[in-house]
Amino acid sequence: MRIPKEIKVLEQVCEEAKTNGEVTGNHLTQLSEALGSRFTKAWDAIKEERVKKYVFSPSGRIVWIVVGREREYQIMPAAAFCSCDDFYFRVMDREANICYHLIAQKIAEALERYDKVEEEDRLYECLMEEWKKVTA
């Protein structure tokens, strides 16, 4: 399976950012050129601290959330999945390769620039139900 160029750029920048602990001006240019407005929205989400990593205890379960314009979107990095409409309508239909929420999560994780929220396992199901709700 061929990996799209913009995904390769994102992965490379994230790898370098994780190693060096920063995103350089050159990285920002590469990401902007490769991902366009999706990167701009992702970078805004990171700067505005809208990327959240929920860690549940004692299980150690992790849930990534990006707070979007409409609601909170669940990210599953290992599956390259997001619960947003852009993912459902454009990424799934192959009109786009990635949504901005996934971009934000990947960069935020590489830089360790996310809001870490620690919760007890007893709240897991309740929070999952809340995140699954679709606002009309």
N, C-alpha and C. Protein backbone atom coordinates (compact mmCIF):
# COMPACT_ATOMS: atom_id res chain seq x y z
N MET A 1 0.83 -1.18 0.00
CA MET A 1 0.00 0.00 0.00
C MET A 1 0.88 1.25 0.00
N ARG A 2 0.59 2.16 -0.91
CA ARG A 2 1.36 3.39 -1.05
C ARG A 2 0.92 4.40 0.00
N ILE A 3 1.90 4.97 0.71
CA ILE A 3 1.60 5.98 1.72
C ILE A 3 1.62 7.35 1.03
N PRO A 4 0.55 8.12 1.16
CA PRO A 4 0.50 9.44 0.53
C PRO A 4 1.62 10.35 1.03
N LYS A 5 2.08 11.23 0.15
CA LYS A 5 3.21 12.12 0.45
C LYS A 5 2.97 12.94 1.72
N GLU A 6 1.76 13.50 1.88
CA GLU A 6 1.52 14.35 3.05
C GLU A 6 1.60 13.57 4.35
N ILE A 7 1.22 12.29 4.32
CA ILE A 7 1.33 11.45 5.51
C ILE A 7 2.80 11.16 5.81
N LYS A 8 3.58 10.92 4.78
CA LYS A 8 5.02 10.71 4.97
C LYS A 8 5.68 11.93 5.60
N VAL A 9 5.31 13.12 5.11
CA VAL A 9 5.87 14.37 5.66
C VAL A 9 5.47 14.49 7.13
N LEU A 10 4.20 14.25 7.44
CA LEU A 10 3.72 14.33 8.82
C LEU A 10 4.48 13.36 9.72
N GLU A 11 4.62 12.12 9.28
CA GLU A 11 5.32 11.11 10.09
C GLU A 11 6.79 11.48 10.30
N GLN A 12 7.44 11.98 9.25
CA GLN A 12 8.84 12.38 9.37
C GLN A 12 9.02 13.54 10.35
N VAL A 13 8.17 14.55 10.22
CA VAL A 13 8.25 15.70 11.11
C VAL A 13 7.97 15.27 12.55
N CYS A 14 6.98 14.43 12.76
CA CYS A 14 6.67 13.96 14.11
C CYS A 14 7.83 13.18 14.71
N GLU A 15 8.46 12.36 13.90
CA GLU A 15 9.62 11.58 14.38
C GLU A 15 10.75 12.52 14.79
N GLU A 16 11.03 13.51 13.95
CA GLU A 16 12.10 14.48 14.27
C GLU A 16 11.72 15.33 15.48
N ALA A 17 10.47 15.73 15.57
CA ALA A 17 10.01 16.54 16.69
C ALA A 17 10.11 15.76 18.01
N LYS A 18 9.78 14.48 17.95
CA LYS A 18 9.87 13.65 19.16
C LYS A 18 11.33 13.53 19.62
N THR A 19 12.23 13.37 18.66
CA THR A 19 13.64 13.25 18.97
C THR A 19 14.22 14.55 19.51
N ASN A 20 13.87 15.67 18.86
CA ASN A 20 14.46 16.97 19.20
C ASN A 20 13.63 17.78 20.19
N GLY A 21 12.40 17.37 20.44
CA GLY A 21 11.56 18.08 21.38
C GLY A 21 10.99 19.40 20.86
N GLU A 22 11.07 19.61 19.55
CA GLU A 22 10.53 20.85 18.99
C GLU A 22 10.18 20.69 17.52
N VAL A 23 9.34 21.61 17.06
CA VAL A 23 9.02 21.70 15.65
C VAL A 23 9.71 22.97 15.16
N THR A 24 10.54 22.84 14.16
CA THR A 24 11.29 23.98 13.64
C THR A 24 10.47 24.75 12.61
N GLY A 25 10.97 25.91 12.24
CA GLY A 25 10.33 26.69 11.19
C GLY A 25 10.27 25.92 9.89
N ASN A 26 11.32 25.16 9.60
CA ASN A 26 11.36 24.33 8.40
C ASN A 26 10.26 23.26 8.46
N HIS A 27 10.06 22.68 9.65
CA HIS A 27 9.00 21.69 9.82
C HIS A 27 7.63 22.32 9.55
N LEU A 28 7.42 23.51 10.11
CA LEU A 28 6.13 24.18 9.91
C LEU A 28 5.87 24.44 8.44
N THR A 29 6.92 24.83 7.71
CA THR A 29 6.78 25.07 6.26
C THR A 29 6.44 23.78 5.54
N GLN A 30 7.15 22.70 5.86
CA GLN A 30 6.89 21.40 5.23
C GLN A 30 5.45 20.95 5.48
N LEU A 31 5.01 21.07 6.73
CA LEU A 31 3.66 20.64 7.08
C LEU A 31 2.61 21.50 6.39
N SER A 32 2.85 22.80 6.35
CA SER A 32 1.90 23.70 5.70
C SER A 32 1.79 23.41 4.21
N GLU A 33 2.93 23.17 3.56
CA GLU A 33 2.92 22.87 2.13
C GLU A 33 2.26 21.53 1.84
N ALA A 34 2.49 20.55 2.70
CA ALA A 34 1.96 19.20 2.48
C ALA A 34 0.48 19.08 2.84
N LEU A 35 0.06 19.77 3.90
CA LEU A 35 -1.28 19.55 4.45
C LEU A 35 -2.21 20.76 4.34
N GLY A 36 -1.69 21.90 3.96
CA GLY A 36 -2.51 23.09 3.76
C GLY A 36 -3.31 23.52 4.97
N SER A 37 -4.60 23.83 4.74
CA SER A 37 -5.44 24.36 5.81
C SER A 37 -5.68 23.34 6.93
N ARG A 38 -5.58 22.07 6.61
CA ARG A 38 -5.74 21.06 7.66
C ARG A 38 -4.63 21.19 8.70
N PHE A 39 -3.40 21.48 8.24
CA PHE A 39 -2.31 21.69 9.19
C PHE A 39 -2.56 22.95 10.02
N THR A 40 -3.00 24.02 9.38
CA THR A 40 -3.25 25.28 10.09
C THR A 40 -4.25 25.05 11.22
N LYS A 41 -5.33 24.34 10.93
CA LYS A 41 -6.34 24.04 11.95
C LYS A 41 -5.75 23.15 13.05
N ALA A 42 -4.93 22.19 12.66
CA ALA A 42 -4.32 21.29 13.64
C ALA A 42 -3.38 22.06 14.56
N TRP A 43 -2.58 22.94 13.99
CA TRP A 43 -1.61 23.72 14.78
C TRP A 43 -2.36 24.64 15.75
N ASP A 44 -3.48 25.21 15.28
CA ASP A 44 -4.30 26.04 16.17
C ASP A 44 -4.83 25.21 17.34
N ALA A 45 -5.28 23.99 17.06
CA ALA A 45 -5.78 23.12 18.13
C ALA A 45 -4.69 22.83 19.16
N ILE A 46 -3.47 22.65 18.70
CA ILE A 46 -2.36 22.39 19.62
C ILE A 46 -2.07 23.63 20.45
N LYS A 47 -1.96 24.77 19.78
CA LYS A 47 -1.66 26.02 20.50
C LYS A 47 -2.76 26.39 21.49
N GLU A 48 -3.99 26.07 21.16
CA GLU A 48 -5.13 26.39 22.02
C GLU A 48 -5.40 25.29 23.05
N GLU A 49 -4.50 24.32 23.13
CA GLU A 49 -4.57 23.23 24.12
C GLU A 49 -5.89 22.47 24.03
N ARG A 50 -6.29 22.13 22.80
CA ARG A 50 -7.53 21.40 22.59
C ARG A 50 -7.30 19.91 22.35
N VAL A 51 -6.04 19.46 22.47
CA VAL A 51 -5.73 18.04 22.34
C VAL A 51 -5.63 17.47 23.75
N LYS A 52 -6.41 16.43 24.00
CA LYS A 52 -6.49 15.85 25.35
C LYS A 52 -6.16 14.36 25.32
N LYS A 53 -5.37 13.96 26.27
CA LYS A 53 -5.04 12.54 26.43
C LYS A 53 -5.62 12.10 27.78
N TYR A 54 -6.68 11.31 27.71
CA TYR A 54 -7.30 10.78 28.92
C TYR A 54 -6.61 9.47 29.27
N VAL A 55 -6.15 9.37 30.51
CA VAL A 55 -5.52 8.15 31.01
C VAL A 55 -6.37 7.65 32.18
N PHE A 56 -6.89 6.45 32.02
CA PHE A 56 -7.77 5.88 33.03
C PHE A 56 -6.99 4.93 33.94
N SER A 57 -7.33 4.98 35.23
CA SER A 57 -6.64 4.10 36.18
C SER A 57 -7.67 3.33 36.99
N PRO A 58 -7.32 2.12 37.36
CA PRO A 58 -5.99 1.52 37.26
C PRO A 58 -5.71 0.81 35.94
N SER A 59 -6.65 0.79 35.00
CA SER A 59 -6.48 -0.01 33.77
C SER A 59 -5.37 0.50 32.86
N GLY A 60 -5.11 1.80 32.88
CA GLY A 60 -4.12 2.36 31.98
C GLY A 60 -4.66 2.63 30.58
N ARG A 61 -5.97 2.48 30.39
CA ARG A 61 -6.58 2.78 29.08
C ARG A 61 -6.34 4.24 28.73
N ILE A 62 -6.11 4.47 27.44
CA ILE A 62 -5.86 5.83 26.94
C ILE A 62 -6.90 6.16 25.87
N VAL A 63 -7.46 7.35 25.97
CA VAL A 63 -8.39 7.85 24.96
C VAL A 63 -7.92 9.25 24.57
N TRP A 64 -7.72 9.44 23.26
CA TRP A 64 -7.33 10.76 22.75
C TRP A 64 -8.58 11.49 22.28
N ILE A 65 -8.67 12.77 22.64
CA ILE A 65 -9.79 13.62 22.26
C ILE A 65 -9.22 14.93 21.70
N VAL A 66 -9.82 15.40 20.61
CA VAL A 66 -9.51 16.75 20.13
C VAL A 66 -10.82 17.53 20.16
N VAL A 67 -10.78 18.66 20.84
CA VAL A 67 -11.96 19.51 20.94
C VAL A 67 -12.06 20.31 19.64
N GLY A 68 -13.13 20.05 18.91
CA GLY A 68 -13.35 20.73 17.63
C GLY A 68 -14.37 21.85 17.76
N ARG A 69 -14.80 22.36 16.63
CA ARG A 69 -15.77 23.46 16.63
C ARG A 69 -17.13 23.00 17.10
N GLU A 70 -17.53 21.81 16.69
CA GLU A 70 -18.86 21.31 17.00
C GLU A 70 -18.93 20.52 18.31
N ARG A 71 -17.90 19.72 18.56
CA ARG A 71 -17.91 18.85 19.74
C ARG A 71 -16.52 18.27 19.94
N GLU A 72 -16.41 17.32 20.84
CA GLU A 72 -15.15 16.63 21.09
C GLU A 72 -15.09 15.39 20.22
N TYR A 73 -13.96 15.20 19.54
CA TYR A 73 -13.80 14.08 18.63
C TYR A 73 -12.81 13.07 19.19
N GLN A 74 -13.19 11.81 19.11
CA GLN A 74 -12.31 10.75 19.59
C GLN A 74 -11.35 10.35 18.48
N ILE A 75 -10.08 10.24 18.84
CA ILE A 75 -9.02 9.85 17.92
C ILE A 75 -8.51 8.47 18.33
N MET A 76 -8.34 7.61 17.34
CA MET A 76 -7.71 6.30 17.58
C MET A 76 -6.45 6.26 16.72
N PRO A 77 -5.33 6.70 17.27
CA PRO A 77 -4.10 6.83 16.48
C PRO A 77 -3.65 5.53 15.80
N ALA A 78 -3.75 4.41 16.49
CA ALA A 78 -3.28 3.14 15.92
C ALA A 78 -4.09 2.73 14.69
N ALA A 79 -5.35 3.16 14.65
CA ALA A 79 -6.22 2.83 13.51
C ALA A 79 -6.32 3.98 12.52
N ALA A 80 -5.65 5.11 12.82
CA ALA A 80 -5.75 6.33 12.00
C ALA A 80 -7.21 6.70 11.81
N PHE A 81 -7.97 6.71 12.92
CA PHE A 81 -9.40 6.98 12.89
C PHE A 81 -9.75 8.22 13.71
N CYS A 82 -10.73 8.98 13.23
CA CYS A 82 -11.30 10.10 13.97
C CYS A 82 -12.81 10.03 13.83
N SER A 83 -13.52 10.46 14.85
CA SER A 83 -14.98 10.41 14.83
C SER A 83 -15.63 11.63 14.18
N CYS A 84 -14.86 12.49 13.54
CA CYS A 84 -15.41 13.71 12.94
C CYS A 84 -16.07 13.45 11.58
N ASP A 85 -16.89 14.41 11.15
CA ASP A 85 -17.57 14.31 9.86
C ASP A 85 -16.58 14.36 8.70
N ASP A 86 -15.52 15.16 8.82
CA ASP A 86 -14.53 15.26 7.74
C ASP A 86 -13.91 13.89 7.47
N PHE A 87 -13.61 13.17 8.55
CA PHE A 87 -13.06 11.83 8.39
C PHE A 87 -14.08 10.92 7.69
N TYR A 88 -15.32 10.96 8.18
CA TYR A 88 -16.35 10.08 7.64
C TYR A 88 -16.67 10.39 6.18
N PHE A 89 -16.80 11.66 5.84
CA PHE A 89 -17.23 12.02 4.49
C PHE A 89 -16.09 12.20 3.49
N ARG A 90 -14.91 12.62 3.94
CA ARG A 90 -13.83 12.88 2.99
C ARG A 90 -12.70 11.86 3.04
N VAL A 91 -12.30 11.49 4.25
CA VAL A 91 -11.21 10.51 4.36
C VAL A 91 -11.71 9.13 3.95
N MET A 92 -12.86 8.72 4.44
CA MET A 92 -13.40 7.41 4.08
C MET A 92 -13.72 7.32 2.59
N ASP A 93 -14.11 8.44 1.97
CA ASP A 93 -14.39 8.47 0.53
C ASP A 93 -13.14 8.74 -0.30
N ARG A 94 -12.00 8.80 0.37
CA ARG A 94 -10.69 9.01 -0.26
C ARG A 94 -10.56 10.36 -0.99
N GLU A 95 -11.34 11.34 -0.56
CA GLU A 95 -11.18 12.69 -1.08
C GLU A 95 -10.04 13.40 -0.35
N ALA A 96 -9.74 12.93 0.87
CA ALA A 96 -8.64 13.46 1.68
C ALA A 96 -7.96 12.27 2.35
N ASN A 97 -6.73 12.47 2.79
CA ASN A 97 -5.99 11.37 3.42
C ASN A 97 -6.03 11.40 4.94
N ILE A 98 -6.36 12.58 5.50
CA ILE A 98 -6.32 12.70 6.96
C ILE A 98 -7.11 13.96 7.36
N CYS A 99 -7.72 13.93 8.52
CA CYS A 99 -8.43 15.11 9.02
C CYS A 99 -7.50 15.90 9.96
N TYR A 100 -7.87 17.12 10.25
CA TYR A 100 -6.99 17.94 11.07
C TYR A 100 -6.91 17.46 12.51
N HIS A 101 -7.92 16.77 13.00
CA HIS A 101 -7.88 16.26 14.37
C HIS A 101 -6.78 15.21 14.53
N LEU A 102 -6.67 14.33 13.54
CA LEU A 102 -5.60 13.31 13.56
C LEU A 102 -4.22 13.96 13.46
N ILE A 103 -4.11 14.97 12.62
CA ILE A 103 -2.83 15.70 12.49
C ILE A 103 -2.46 16.31 13.83
N ALA A 104 -3.43 16.98 14.46
CA ALA A 104 -3.18 17.61 15.76
C ALA A 104 -2.73 16.59 16.80
N GLN A 105 -3.40 15.45 16.84
CA GLN A 105 -3.05 14.43 17.83
C GLN A 105 -1.63 13.94 17.61
N LYS A 106 -1.26 13.67 16.36
CA LYS A 106 0.06 13.14 16.06
C LYS A 106 1.17 14.12 16.45
N ILE A 107 0.98 15.38 16.10
CA ILE A 107 1.99 16.39 16.43
C ILE A 107 2.03 16.64 17.93
N ALA A 108 0.86 16.75 18.55
CA ALA A 108 0.81 16.98 20.00
C ALA A 108 1.48 15.85 20.78
N GLU A 109 1.25 14.63 20.34
CA GLU A 109 1.89 13.49 21.02
C GLU A 109 3.40 13.53 20.84
N ALA A 110 3.86 13.84 19.63
CA ALA A 110 5.30 13.90 19.36
C ALA A 110 5.97 14.97 20.22
N LEU A 111 5.29 16.09 20.40
CA LEU A 111 5.85 17.20 21.18
C LEU A 111 5.51 17.12 22.67
N GLU A 112 4.64 16.17 23.02
CA GLU A 112 4.11 16.08 24.38
C GLU A 112 3.44 17.39 24.78
N ARG A 113 2.68 17.96 23.82
CA ARG A 113 1.94 19.21 24.04
C ARG A 113 0.45 18.91 24.01
N TYR A 114 -0.03 18.28 25.05
CA TYR A 114 -1.45 17.95 25.16
C TYR A 114 -1.83 18.06 26.62
N ASP A 115 -3.11 18.17 26.84
CA ASP A 115 -3.64 18.23 28.19
C ASP A 115 -3.86 16.79 28.66
N LYS A 116 -3.11 16.37 29.67
CA LYS A 116 -3.26 15.02 30.19
C LYS A 116 -4.32 15.04 31.29
N VAL A 117 -5.36 14.22 31.09
CA VAL A 117 -6.47 14.16 32.04
C VAL A 117 -6.48 12.76 32.64
N GLU A 118 -6.34 12.69 33.95
CA GLU A 118 -6.36 11.39 34.63
C GLU A 118 -7.74 11.18 35.25
N GLU A 119 -8.33 10.04 34.92
CA GLU A 119 -9.66 9.70 35.43
C GLU A 119 -9.65 8.26 35.95
N GLU A 120 -10.62 7.97 36.77
CA GLU A 120 -10.77 6.61 37.27
C GLU A 120 -11.55 5.77 36.25
N ASP A 121 -11.27 4.49 36.23
CA ASP A 121 -11.94 3.57 35.31
C ASP A 121 -13.46 3.64 35.41
N ARG A 122 -13.99 3.92 36.60
CA ARG A 122 -15.44 3.94 36.77
C ARG A 122 -16.10 5.01 35.90
N LEU A 123 -15.34 6.00 35.44
CA LEU A 123 -15.89 7.06 34.59
C LEU A 123 -15.73 6.77 33.10
N TYR A 124 -15.03 5.71 32.76
CA TYR A 124 -14.73 5.40 31.36
C TYR A 124 -16.00 5.28 30.51
N GLU A 125 -16.92 4.43 30.91
CA GLU A 125 -18.12 4.18 30.12
C GLU A 125 -18.95 5.45 29.96
N CYS A 126 -19.09 6.20 31.02
CA CYS A 126 -19.86 7.44 30.98
C CYS A 126 -19.23 8.44 30.00
N LEU A 127 -17.94 8.60 30.05
CA LEU A 127 -17.25 9.52 29.14
C LEU A 127 -17.32 9.03 27.70
N MET A 128 -17.18 7.74 27.50
CA MET A 128 -17.27 7.19 26.14
C MET A 128 -18.66 7.47 25.55
N GLU A 129 -19.69 7.32 26.34
CA GLU A 129 -21.05 7.61 25.87
C GLU A 129 -21.18 9.08 25.49
N GLU A 130 -20.60 9.94 26.29
CA GLU A 130 -20.64 11.38 26.01
C GLU A 130 -19.92 11.70 24.70
N TRP A 131 -18.77 11.10 24.47
CA TRP A 131 -17.99 11.36 23.26
C TRP A 131 -18.66 10.79 22.03
N LYS A 132 -19.49 9.77 22.19
CA LYS A 132 -20.17 9.15 21.05
C LYS A 132 -21.39 9.93 20.60
N LYS A 133 -21.88 10.81 21.45
CA LYS A 133 -23.09 11.57 21.12
C LYS A 133 -22.83 12.46 19.92
N VAL A 134 -23.80 12.51 19.04
CA VAL A 134 -23.72 13.38 17.87
C VAL A 134 -24.65 14.55 18.11
N THR A 135 -24.11 15.75 17.97
CA THR A 135 -24.95 16.92 18.15
C THR A 135 -25.68 17.23 16.86
N ALA A 136 -26.91 17.59 16.98
CA ALA A 136 -27.73 17.86 15.78
C ALA A 136 -27.80 19.34 15.50
